[in-house]
Amino acid sequence: MSTTGTSPDSAAAGVPPPGHPPGSGALPGSSDEPPATLPIGALLNALAQEVSHGLQERLHLIVLEARQVGLRATQMILLAVLAALMACSAWATVLVAIYMACTTHGVSWPVALLIVLFVNVAAAAAAVRVAYRLNSQLGFPATLRMLTHIGHSHPGPEAAAERPGVTPPTPYPVNPTAPRASPPA
């Protein structure tokens, strides 16, 4: 029998020594002292390594996803070019069909070419008109207004109207061909 009152058989069976309540988890040979702590430098070094490893993994993921985005964008551009070529060939087919229909119905070929030219110019003018309307949305007008008024008190059109010779500011850039949008509430 040992001096602590435990036998080797009870220690091997996981029976707590006398003086330790059952379920306390203390076994013979274990101490109630906390485990030895690492020096703060070693903890900081381990933390720096973990942060570095985590950042490297995230950056690697960003690089892989950026590469995929680049490939997908390239595919989209190539498909758009292919679609544009197909649309051009379809448009040319429509123009040839108009020409053939005109000449079949007895219209001379110079007049048929003028009709085809007129259809083509009218379609181009419609496209330019739509592009011109979209042009007014390219200038980031709301962002520019916000940035120009940062740090400045904006008294509003009422205060400017009270001063002679001062024109009240317009809430949006004026484009005479674009439809007027109502200001946000």
Protein backbone atom coordinates (compact mmCIF):
# COMPACT_ATOMS: atom_id res chain seq x y z
CA MET A 1 0.00 0.00 0.00
CA SER A 2 1.26 3.50 -0.83
CA THR A 3 1.63 6.35 1.57
CA THR A 4 -1.13 8.38 -0.05
CA GLY A 5 -3.68 5.69 0.60
CA THR A 6 -4.15 4.60 -2.99
CA SER A 7 -3.23 1.37 -4.52
CA PRO A 8 -1.77 1.03 -7.99
CA ASP A 9 -4.91 -0.86 -8.98
CA SER A 10 -7.24 2.01 -8.01
CA ALA A 11 -5.10 4.56 -9.86
CA ALA A 12 -5.15 2.47 -13.01
CA ALA A 13 -8.91 2.06 -12.76
CA GLY A 14 -9.41 5.82 -12.61
CA VAL A 15 -10.59 5.85 -9.01
CA PRO A 16 -9.85 9.19 -7.35
CA PRO A 17 -7.50 9.16 -4.38
CA PRO A 18 -8.86 9.67 -0.91
CA GLY A 19 -9.69 13.30 -0.23
CA HIS A 20 -10.82 13.95 -3.81
CA PRO A 21 -14.56 13.65 -4.42
CA PRO A 22 -15.73 11.30 -7.17
CA GLY A 23 -16.23 13.08 -10.52
CA SER A 24 -13.66 15.77 -9.76
CA GLY A 25 -11.47 14.44 -12.54
CA ALA A 26 -8.35 14.41 -10.42
CA LEU A 27 -6.32 11.27 -10.79
CA PRO A 28 -3.28 10.23 -8.87
CA GLY A 29 -0.20 11.88 -10.22
CA SER A 30 -2.06 14.88 -11.59
CA SER A 31 -1.61 18.28 -10.09
CA ASP A 32 -4.19 20.96 -9.49
CA GLU A 33 -1.82 23.60 -10.87
CA PRO A 34 -2.58 25.18 -14.28
CA PRO A 35 -0.39 24.03 -17.15
CA ALA A 36 2.80 25.96 -17.78
CA THR A 37 2.08 29.11 -19.79
CA LEU A 38 4.02 30.09 -22.88
CA PRO A 39 5.96 33.34 -22.88
CA ILE A 40 4.10 36.30 -24.40
CA GLY A 41 6.59 36.50 -27.29
CA ALA A 42 5.79 32.93 -28.33
CA LEU A 43 2.05 33.66 -28.15
CA LEU A 44 2.42 36.79 -30.26
CA ASN A 45 4.58 34.92 -32.77
CA ALA A 46 1.96 32.14 -33.04
CA LEU A 47 -0.80 34.73 -33.43
CA ALA A 48 1.14 36.55 -36.16
CA GLN A 49 1.69 33.27 -38.01
CA GLU A 50 -2.03 32.41 -37.81
CA VAL A 51 -3.04 35.87 -39.06
CA SER A 52 -0.46 35.69 -41.85
CA HIS A 53 -1.65 32.23 -42.88
CA GLY A 54 -5.30 33.35 -42.84
CA LEU A 55 -4.52 36.42 -44.95
CA GLN A 56 -2.51 34.36 -47.43
CA GLU A 57 -5.42 31.94 -47.85
CA ARG A 58 -7.89 34.77 -48.39
CA LEU A 59 -5.62 36.59 -50.85
CA HIS A 60 -5.09 33.35 -52.76
CA LEU A 61 -8.87 32.92 -52.96
CA ILE A 62 -9.26 36.51 -54.19
CA VAL A 63 -6.62 35.94 -56.87
CA LEU A 64 -8.31 32.74 -58.04
CA GLU A 65 -11.72 34.39 -58.16
CA ALA A 66 -10.32 37.45 -59.96
CA ARG A 67 -8.79 35.13 -62.55
CA GLN A 68 -12.18 33.43 -63.01
CA VAL A 69 -13.90 36.81 -63.31
CA GLY A 70 -11.37 37.87 -65.95
CA LEU A 71 -11.96 34.69 -67.94
CA ARG A 72 -15.74 35.06 -67.70
CA ALA A 73 -15.55 38.73 -68.73
CA THR A 74 -13.39 37.79 -71.71
CA GLN A 75 -15.89 35.12 -72.70
CA MET A 76 -18.75 37.61 -72.39
CA ILE A 77 -16.93 40.16 -74.57
CA LEU A 78 -16.14 37.56 -77.21
CA LEU A 79 -19.75 36.38 -77.22
CA ALA A 80 -20.93 40.00 -77.53
CA VAL A 81 -18.63 40.52 -80.51
CA LEU A 82 -19.93 37.30 -82.06
CA ALA A 83 -23.52 38.42 -81.47
CA ALA A 84 -22.73 41.82 -83.03
CA LEU A 85 -21.28 40.12 -86.10
CA MET A 86 -24.39 37.96 -86.39
CA ALA A 87 -26.60 41.03 -86.00
CA CYS A 88 -24.63 42.80 -88.74
CA SER A 89 -25.05 39.87 -91.09
CA ALA A 90 -28.76 39.73 -90.26
CA TRP A 91 -29.07 43.46 -90.92
CA ALA A 92 -27.27 43.06 -94.23
CA THR A 93 -29.69 40.25 -95.08
CA VAL A 94 -32.64 42.53 -94.30
CA LEU A 95 -31.18 45.25 -96.51
CA VAL A 96 -30.64 42.78 -99.36
CA ALA A 97 -34.21 41.54 -98.92
CA ILE A 98 -35.51 45.12 -99.15
CA TYR A 99 -33.44 45.69 -102.28
CA MET A 100 -34.64 42.44 -103.85
CA ALA A 101 -38.27 43.21 -102.99
CA CYS A 102 -37.97 46.66 -104.57
CA THR A 103 -36.38 45.39 -107.78
CA THR A 104 -38.90 42.52 -108.01
CA HIS A 105 -41.76 45.03 -107.90
CA GLY A 106 -40.33 47.02 -110.80
CA VAL A 107 -38.34 49.67 -108.91
CA SER A 108 -35.09 50.55 -110.67
CA TRP A 109 -31.91 49.49 -108.91
CA PRO A 110 -30.70 53.05 -108.12
CA VAL A 111 -34.01 53.85 -106.42
CA ALA A 112 -33.89 50.50 -104.55
CA LEU A 113 -30.39 51.36 -103.32
CA LEU A 114 -31.65 54.77 -102.15
CA ILE A 115 -34.48 53.07 -100.25
CA VAL A 116 -31.98 50.70 -98.59
CA LEU A 117 -29.73 53.66 -97.79
CA PHE A 118 -32.66 55.57 -96.25
CA VAL A 119 -33.63 52.57 -94.05
CA ASN A 120 -30.02 52.20 -92.90
CA VAL A 121 -29.60 55.92 -92.12
CA ALA A 122 -32.94 56.03 -90.26
CA ALA A 123 -31.89 53.07 -88.08
CA ALA A 124 -28.51 54.69 -87.39
CA ALA A 125 -30.20 57.98 -86.44
CA ALA A 126 -32.50 56.15 -84.02
CA ALA A 127 -29.48 54.44 -82.43
CA VAL A 128 -27.64 57.76 -82.09
CA ARG A 129 -30.72 59.37 -80.50
CA VAL A 130 -30.94 56.58 -77.90
CA ALA A 131 -27.18 56.82 -77.21
CA TYR A 132 -27.46 60.59 -76.78
CA ARG A 133 -30.22 60.13 -74.21
CA LEU A 134 -28.08 57.62 -72.33
CA ASN A 135 -25.16 60.06 -72.40
CA SER A 136 -26.79 62.24 -69.75
CA GLN A 137 -26.53 59.37 -67.26
CA LEU A 138 -22.77 58.92 -67.63
CA GLY A 139 -21.60 61.89 -65.60
CA PHE A 140 -22.51 60.62 -62.10
CA PRO A 141 -24.68 63.71 -61.55
CA ALA A 142 -25.89 62.83 -58.05
CA THR A 143 -22.38 62.00 -56.86
CA LEU A 144 -20.99 65.22 -58.32
CA ARG A 145 -23.74 67.25 -56.65
CA MET A 146 -23.02 65.58 -53.34
CA LEU A 147 -19.27 66.14 -53.64
CA THR A 148 -19.62 69.79 -54.65
CA HIS A 149 -21.88 70.50 -51.68
CA ILE A 150 -19.74 68.77 -49.03
CA GLY A 151 -18.67 71.34 -46.52
CA HIS A 152 -20.87 74.03 -48.01
CA SER A 153 -24.18 74.96 -46.57
CA HIS A 154 -26.71 74.87 -49.33
CA PRO A 155 -29.40 77.40 -48.46
CA GLY A 156 -31.67 76.20 -51.23
CA PRO A 157 -33.30 77.96 -54.16
CA GLU A 158 -35.45 80.15 -51.89
CA ALA A 159 -32.45 81.99 -50.43
CA ALA A 160 -30.86 82.45 -53.86
CA ALA A 161 -34.10 83.80 -55.29
CA GLU A 162 -34.20 86.47 -52.56
CA ARG A 163 -30.84 87.91 -53.70
CA PRO A 164 -31.02 89.95 -56.90
CA GLY A 165 -28.84 88.79 -59.75
CA VAL A 166 -28.41 85.26 -58.38
CA THR A 167 -29.91 82.38 -60.29
CA PRO A 168 -31.13 79.51 -58.11
CA PRO A 169 -29.17 76.28 -58.68
CA THR A 170 -30.86 73.60 -60.72
CA PRO A 171 -31.15 70.23 -58.98
CA TYR A 172 -29.99 68.32 -62.08
CA PRO A 173 -27.80 69.13 -65.07
CA VAL A 174 -29.93 70.51 -67.83
CA ASN A 175 -29.98 68.49 -71.06
CA PRO A 176 -32.49 70.04 -73.47
CA THR A 177 -33.11 66.77 -75.35
CA ALA A 178 -33.40 64.50 -72.31
CA PRO A 179 -36.72 64.16 -70.53
CA ARG A 180 -36.82 65.99 -67.20
CA ALA A 181 -36.80 63.77 -64.16
CA SER A 182 -38.54 64.85 -61.02
CA PRO A 183 -36.21 65.39 -58.05
CA PRO A 184 -36.18 62.67 -55.39
CA ALA A 185 -38.38 63.21 -52.37
